[in-house]
Amino acid sequence: MSRTGLRPADIAENFRDRCGDGSVEWVYTPTQTWVLLDAADMLDENDKLVMKLNAEHIVRQNLAAQSARQREWVREAVRFMGCVTECDAGGWAVWMDELVKKAREFGVDA
């Protein structure tokens, strides 16, 4: 884990202290290599976490899209059920073909 045992907030505060008021300054205080390596490790870990969050966000977006398509399929199925009693045989066959087509879009062998 941390080489120095310092918390990320402590390392960040150390870096901020070195920046002073933001004007151009020469900093002559030594920095331990371990502190810099810890900071680099934290940046690497942060990058990994950002990538993981982005991947999870994409998964959530895909699930939301899939869910919307499934809701649409259910709406069509409900409409089909109403049509079974009201449609003639030709209308029923058209609805059935459409439902089978939509089911196949979801990977259902119908």
C-alpha atoms as a PDB file:
ATOM      1  CA  MET A   1       0.000   0.000   0.000  1.00  0.00           C
ATOM      2  CA  SER A   2       1.525   3.325   1.019  1.00  0.00           C
ATOM      3  CA  ARG A   3       5.309   3.455   1.345  1.00  0.00           C
ATOM      4  CA  THR A   4       5.183   6.401   3.739  1.00  0.00           C
ATOM      5  CA  GLY A   5       2.090   5.518   5.737  1.00  0.00           C
ATOM      6  CA  LEU A   6       0.728   8.972   4.900  1.00  0.00           C
ATOM      7  CA  ARG A   7      -2.891   9.386   3.964  1.00  0.00           C
ATOM      8  CA  PRO A   8      -3.601  10.733   0.448  1.00  0.00           C
ATOM      9  CA  ALA A   9      -4.974  13.916   2.032  1.00  0.00           C
ATOM     10  CA  ASP A  10      -1.684  14.456   3.893  1.00  0.00           C
ATOM     11  CA  ILE A  11       0.352  14.079   0.722  1.00  0.00           C
ATOM     12  CA  ALA A  12      -1.982  16.429  -1.137  1.00  0.00           C
ATOM     13  CA  GLU A  13      -1.698  18.979   1.660  1.00  0.00           C
ATOM     14  CA  ASN A  14       2.102  18.726   1.514  1.00  0.00           C
ATOM     15  CA  PHE A  15       2.030  19.448  -2.209  1.00  0.00           C
ATOM     16  CA  ARG A  16      -0.354  22.380  -1.705  1.00  0.00           C
ATOM     17  CA  ASP A  17       1.909  23.842   0.976  1.00  0.00           C
ATOM     18  CA  ARG A  18       4.780  23.773  -1.506  1.00  0.00           C
ATOM     19  CA  CYS A  19       2.721  25.760  -4.003  1.00  0.00           C
ATOM     20  CA  GLY A  20       2.417  28.732  -1.682  1.00  0.00           C
ATOM     21  CA  ASP A  21       0.022  31.395  -2.898  1.00  0.00           C
ATOM     22  CA  GLY A  22       0.214  30.252  -6.517  1.00  0.00           C
ATOM     23  CA  SER A  23       2.745  32.816  -7.636  1.00  0.00           C
ATOM     24  CA  VAL A  24       6.064  31.774  -9.096  1.00  0.00           C
ATOM     25  CA  GLU A  25       8.226  30.507  -6.293  1.00  0.00           C
ATOM     26  CA  TRP A  26      11.371  28.499  -5.973  1.00  0.00           C
ATOM     27  CA  VAL A  27      10.944  25.625  -3.589  1.00  0.00           C
ATOM     28  CA  TYR A  28      14.112  24.368  -1.965  1.00  0.00           C
ATOM     29  CA  THR A  29      12.676  21.957   0.553  1.00  0.00           C
ATOM     30  CA  PRO A  30      13.571  18.367  -0.190  1.00  0.00           C
ATOM     31  CA  THR A  31      10.859  15.850  -0.966  1.00  0.00           C
ATOM     32  CA  GLN A  32      11.321  12.235  -0.059  1.00  0.00           C
ATOM     33  CA  THR A  33      11.213   9.946  -3.045  1.00  0.00           C
ATOM     34  CA  TRP A  34       8.732   7.734  -1.194  1.00  0.00           C
ATOM     35  CA  VAL A  35       6.232  10.598  -1.005  1.00  0.00           C
ATOM     36  CA  LEU A  36       6.472  11.162  -4.741  1.00  0.00           C
ATOM     37  CA  LEU A  37       6.142   7.435  -5.416  1.00  0.00           C
ATOM     38  CA  ASP A  38       3.076   7.265  -3.154  1.00  0.00           C
ATOM     39  CA  ALA A  39       1.562  10.191  -5.044  1.00  0.00           C
ATOM     40  CA  ALA A  40       2.287   8.469  -8.374  1.00  0.00           C
ATOM     41  CA  ASP A  41       0.701   5.246  -7.079  1.00  0.00           C
ATOM     42  CA  MET A  42      -2.386   7.173  -5.978  1.00  0.00           C
ATOM     43  CA  LEU A  43      -2.686   8.787  -9.391  1.00  0.00           C
ATOM     44  CA  ASP A  44      -2.409   5.350 -11.018  1.00  0.00           C
ATOM     45  CA  GLU A  45      -5.088   3.982  -8.690  1.00  0.00           C
ATOM     46  CA  ASN A  46      -7.283   6.984  -9.404  1.00  0.00           C
ATOM     47  CA  ASP A  47      -6.932   6.342 -13.140  1.00  0.00           C
ATOM     48  CA  LYS A  48      -7.960   2.707 -12.653  1.00  0.00           C
ATOM     49  CA  LEU A  49     -10.985   3.761 -10.603  1.00  0.00           C
ATOM     50  CA  VAL A  50     -12.047   6.285 -13.232  1.00  0.00           C
ATOM     51  CA  MET A  51     -11.783   3.617 -15.930  1.00  0.00           C
ATOM     52  CA  LYS A  52     -13.819   1.205 -13.784  1.00  0.00           C
ATOM     53  CA  LEU A  53     -16.497   3.846 -13.153  1.00  0.00           C
ATOM     54  CA  ASN A  54     -16.672   4.636 -16.871  1.00  0.00           C
ATOM     55  CA  ALA A  55     -17.074   0.940 -17.688  1.00  0.00           C
ATOM     56  CA  GLU A  56     -19.798   0.580 -15.051  1.00  0.00           C
ATOM     57  CA  HIS A  57     -21.551   3.646 -16.464  1.00  0.00           C
ATOM     58  CA  ILE A  58     -21.560   2.086 -19.935  1.00  0.00           C
ATOM     59  CA  VAL A  59     -22.987  -1.140 -18.491  1.00  0.00           C
ATOM     60  CA  ARG A  60     -25.749   0.835 -16.734  1.00  0.00           C
ATOM     61  CA  GLN A  61     -26.546   2.674 -19.974  1.00  0.00           C
ATOM     62  CA  ASN A  62     -26.732  -0.630 -21.867  1.00  0.00           C
ATOM     63  CA  LEU A  63     -28.984  -2.133 -19.202  1.00  0.00           C
ATOM     64  CA  ALA A  64     -31.265   0.896 -19.322  1.00  0.00           C
ATOM     65  CA  ALA A  65     -31.534   0.611 -23.111  1.00  0.00           C
ATOM     66  CA  GLN A  66     -32.191  -3.123 -22.859  1.00  0.00           C
ATOM     67  CA  SER A  67     -34.844  -2.502 -20.206  1.00  0.00           C
ATOM     68  CA  ALA A  68     -36.557   0.083 -22.411  1.00  0.00           C
ATOM     69  CA  ARG A  69     -36.636  -2.390 -25.295  1.00  0.00           C
ATOM     70  CA  GLN A  70     -38.064  -5.078 -23.018  1.00  0.00           C
ATOM     71  CA  ARG A  71     -40.783  -2.718 -21.763  1.00  0.00           C
ATOM     72  CA  GLU A  72     -41.685  -1.964 -25.371  1.00  0.00           C
ATOM     73  CA  TRP A  73     -41.869  -5.686 -26.087  1.00  0.00           C
ATOM     74  CA  VAL A  74     -44.187  -6.194 -23.108  1.00  0.00           C
ATOM     75  CA  ARG A  75     -46.396  -3.320 -24.306  1.00  0.00           C
ATOM     76  CA  GLU A  76     -46.613  -5.002 -27.698  1.00  0.00           C
ATOM     77  CA  ALA A  77     -47.437  -8.329 -26.048  1.00  0.00           C
ATOM     78  CA  VAL A  78     -50.249  -6.695 -24.044  1.00  0.00           C
ATOM     79  CA  ARG A  79     -51.606  -5.109 -27.213  1.00  0.00           C
ATOM     80  CA  PHE A  80     -51.394  -8.514 -28.878  1.00  0.00           C
ATOM     81  CA  MET A  81     -53.406 -10.099 -26.086  1.00  0.00           C
ATOM     82  CA  GLY A  82     -56.165  -7.560 -26.681  1.00  0.00           C
ATOM     83  CA  CYS A  83     -55.996  -8.216 -30.399  1.00  0.00           C
ATOM     84  CA  VAL A  84     -56.450 -11.964 -29.947  1.00  0.00           C
ATOM     85  CA  THR A  85     -60.065 -11.412 -28.998  1.00  0.00           C
ATOM     86  CA  GLU A  86     -60.737  -8.526 -31.410  1.00  0.00           C
ATOM     87  CA  CYS A  87     -58.680  -9.223 -34.556  1.00  0.00           C
ATOM     88  CA  ASP A  88     -59.530 -11.517 -37.372  1.00  0.00           C
ATOM     89  CA  ALA A  89     -57.212 -14.427 -38.124  1.00  0.00           C
ATOM     90  CA  GLY A  90     -55.096 -12.328 -40.514  1.00  0.00           C
ATOM     91  CA  GLY A  91     -54.536  -9.596 -37.914  1.00  0.00           C
ATOM     92  CA  TRP A  92     -53.678 -12.201 -35.316  1.00  0.00           C
ATOM     93  CA  ALA A  93     -51.027 -13.747 -37.595  1.00  0.00           C
ATOM     94  CA  VAL A  94     -49.429 -10.337 -38.233  1.00  0.00           C
ATOM     95  CA  TRP A  95     -49.246  -9.587 -34.505  1.00  0.00           C
ATOM     96  CA  MET A  96     -47.852 -13.039 -33.769  1.00  0.00           C
ATOM     97  CA  ASP A  97     -45.133 -12.636 -36.413  1.00  0.00           C
ATOM     98  CA  GLU A  98     -44.214  -9.250 -34.934  1.00  0.00           C
ATOM     99  CA  LEU A  99     -43.986 -10.657 -31.401  1.00  0.00           C
ATOM    100  CA  VAL A 100     -41.820 -13.560 -32.562  1.00  0.00           C
ATOM    101  CA  LYS A 101     -39.538 -11.119 -34.365  1.00  0.00           C
ATOM    102  CA  LYS A 102     -39.196  -8.965 -31.236  1.00  0.00           C
ATOM    103  CA  ALA A 103     -38.586 -12.027 -29.072  1.00  0.00           C
ATOM    104  CA  ARG A 104     -35.756 -13.092 -31.373  1.00  0.00           C
ATOM    105  CA  GLU A 105     -34.182  -9.630 -30.945  1.00  0.00           C
ATOM    106  CA  PHE A 106     -33.835 -10.545 -27.264  1.00  0.00           C
ATOM    107  CA  GLY A 107     -32.329 -13.936 -28.073  1.00  0.00           C
ATOM    108  CA  VAL A 108     -35.534 -15.884 -27.372  1.00  0.00           C
ATOM    109  CA  ASP A 109     -36.153 -18.783 -29.715  1.00  0.00           C
ATOM    110  CA  ALA A 110     -39.819 -18.376 -30.463  1.00  0.00           C
END
